[in-house]
Amino acid sequence: MNYQLYRNTTLGHTLQESLDEFVQCGQISPQLALKILLQFDRAINHSLSSKVRTRLTFKAGHLKTYRFCDNVWTFVLKDVEFREAQELVKADKVKIVACDGLHAKQ
């Protein structure tokens, strides 16, 4: 199972819009567009799990809400500080979606 979370990124939206345009113009079939999206899901999940080595820590001021459904945790945090080495970034509100990696590899 590969998660489709990254389809909601700028890259994912752009890919979907391009594929929709190709389908509407008759340049590719809807089935091919779906295959391309599924390959995108696999590739992005694999790349993020195997190639990204940066560690980031964060400190939240407040946990506003949390939810666990279908092996996916969703947290909404307020007044969050992210730190990587010497760099510090502050955010008023952050949503974190964490998926069960064991199920993703099956």
Protein backbone atom coordinates (compact mmCIF):
# COMPACT_ATOMS: atom_id res chain seq x y z
CA MET A 1 0.00 0.00 0.00
CA ASN A 2 1.34 3.42 -0.92
CA TYR A 3 -0.15 6.50 0.64
CA GLN A 4 -1.57 9.18 -1.63
CA LEU A 5 -0.81 12.07 0.74
CA TYR A 6 1.74 13.61 -1.58
CA ARG A 7 -0.84 14.14 -4.31
CA ASN A 8 -1.91 17.16 -2.23
CA THR A 9 1.50 18.82 -2.67
CA THR A 10 2.28 21.37 -5.36
CA LEU A 11 4.08 18.67 -7.35
CA GLY A 12 1.16 16.25 -6.97
CA HIS A 13 -1.45 18.85 -7.97
CA THR A 14 0.60 19.89 -10.99
CA LEU A 15 0.97 16.28 -12.10
CA GLN A 16 -2.77 15.65 -11.74
CA GLU A 17 -3.65 18.83 -13.67
CA SER A 18 -1.26 17.86 -16.47
CA LEU A 19 -2.64 14.34 -16.65
CA ASP A 20 -6.23 15.67 -16.68
CA GLU A 21 -5.33 17.94 -19.58
CA PHE A 22 -3.75 15.04 -21.51
CA VAL A 23 -6.84 12.89 -20.92
CA GLN A 24 -9.21 15.68 -22.00
CA CYS A 25 -7.19 16.23 -25.20
CA GLY A 26 -7.24 12.49 -25.90
CA GLN A 27 -3.44 12.18 -25.71
CA ILE A 28 -3.56 9.49 -23.01
CA SER A 29 -6.24 7.21 -21.62
CA PRO A 30 -7.71 7.63 -18.13
CA GLN A 31 -6.22 4.21 -17.26
CA LEU A 32 -2.72 5.41 -18.17
CA ALA A 33 -3.22 8.57 -16.11
CA LEU A 34 -4.16 6.40 -13.12
CA LYS A 35 -1.10 4.20 -13.64
CA ILE A 36 1.10 7.29 -13.69
CA LEU A 37 -0.43 8.57 -10.43
CA LEU A 38 0.10 5.19 -8.78
CA GLN A 39 3.74 5.21 -9.93
CA PHE A 40 4.09 8.73 -8.51
CA ASP A 41 2.74 7.49 -5.16
CA ARG A 42 5.24 4.62 -5.10
CA ALA A 43 8.18 6.77 -6.17
CA ILE A 44 7.57 9.63 -3.74
CA ASN A 45 6.99 7.28 -0.79
CA HIS A 46 10.15 5.31 -1.63
CA SER A 47 12.29 8.42 -2.15
CA LEU A 48 11.20 10.07 1.08
CA SER A 49 11.75 6.92 3.12
CA SER A 50 15.12 5.98 1.62
CA LYS A 51 16.85 9.20 0.56
CA VAL A 52 15.93 11.87 3.09
CA ARG A 53 18.30 11.82 6.06
CA THR A 54 17.67 15.22 7.63
CA ARG A 55 16.54 15.16 11.25
CA LEU A 56 14.18 17.80 12.54
CA THR A 57 13.00 18.37 16.08
CA PHE A 58 9.97 20.35 17.12
CA LYS A 59 8.45 21.69 20.30
CA ALA A 60 4.74 22.41 20.41
CA GLY A 61 3.17 24.98 22.66
CA HIS A 62 -0.25 23.28 22.60
CA LEU A 63 -1.83 20.16 21.15
CA LYS A 64 -5.11 21.44 19.75
CA THR A 65 -6.57 18.17 18.36
CA TYR A 66 -5.51 14.64 17.55
CA ARG A 67 -7.12 11.71 15.78
CA PHE A 68 -6.24 8.10 14.92
CA CYS A 69 -8.13 6.44 12.07
CA ASP A 70 -7.13 3.64 9.66
CA ASN A 71 -3.54 3.55 10.99
CA VAL A 72 -3.12 7.29 10.37
CA TRP A 73 -2.45 9.79 13.16
CA THR A 74 -3.43 13.43 12.61
CA PHE A 75 -2.23 16.12 15.00
CA VAL A 76 -3.01 19.84 14.96
CA LEU A 77 -0.46 21.80 17.00
CA LYS A 78 -0.34 25.48 17.95
CA ASP A 79 2.73 27.65 18.58
CA VAL A 80 5.28 25.20 17.19
CA GLU A 81 9.06 25.63 16.98
CA PHE A 82 10.99 23.53 14.44
CA ARG A 83 14.74 23.17 14.74
CA GLU A 84 17.32 21.74 12.37
CA ALA A 85 20.89 22.20 13.58
CA GLN A 86 21.12 25.96 14.19
CA GLU A 87 18.05 27.00 12.20
CA LEU A 88 14.81 27.78 14.05
CA VAL A 89 11.39 28.22 12.40
CA LYS A 90 8.23 29.16 14.29
CA ALA A 91 4.66 28.47 13.16
CA ASP A 92 1.33 29.49 14.66
CA LYS A 93 -0.45 26.30 13.57
CA VAL A 94 0.81 23.00 12.14
CA LYS A 95 -1.01 19.88 10.95
CA ILE A 96 0.99 16.65 11.07
CA VAL A 97 -0.26 13.50 9.34
CA ALA A 98 1.68 10.37 10.30
CA CYS A 99 1.01 7.08 8.52
CA ASP A 100 1.87 3.60 9.73
CA GLY A 101 5.03 2.71 7.80
CA LEU A 102 4.63 -1.03 8.47
CA HIS A 103 1.36 -1.16 6.58
CA ALA A 104 2.73 1.04 3.79
CA LYS A 105 5.45 -1.51 2.96
CA GLN A 106 3.04 -4.41 2.56
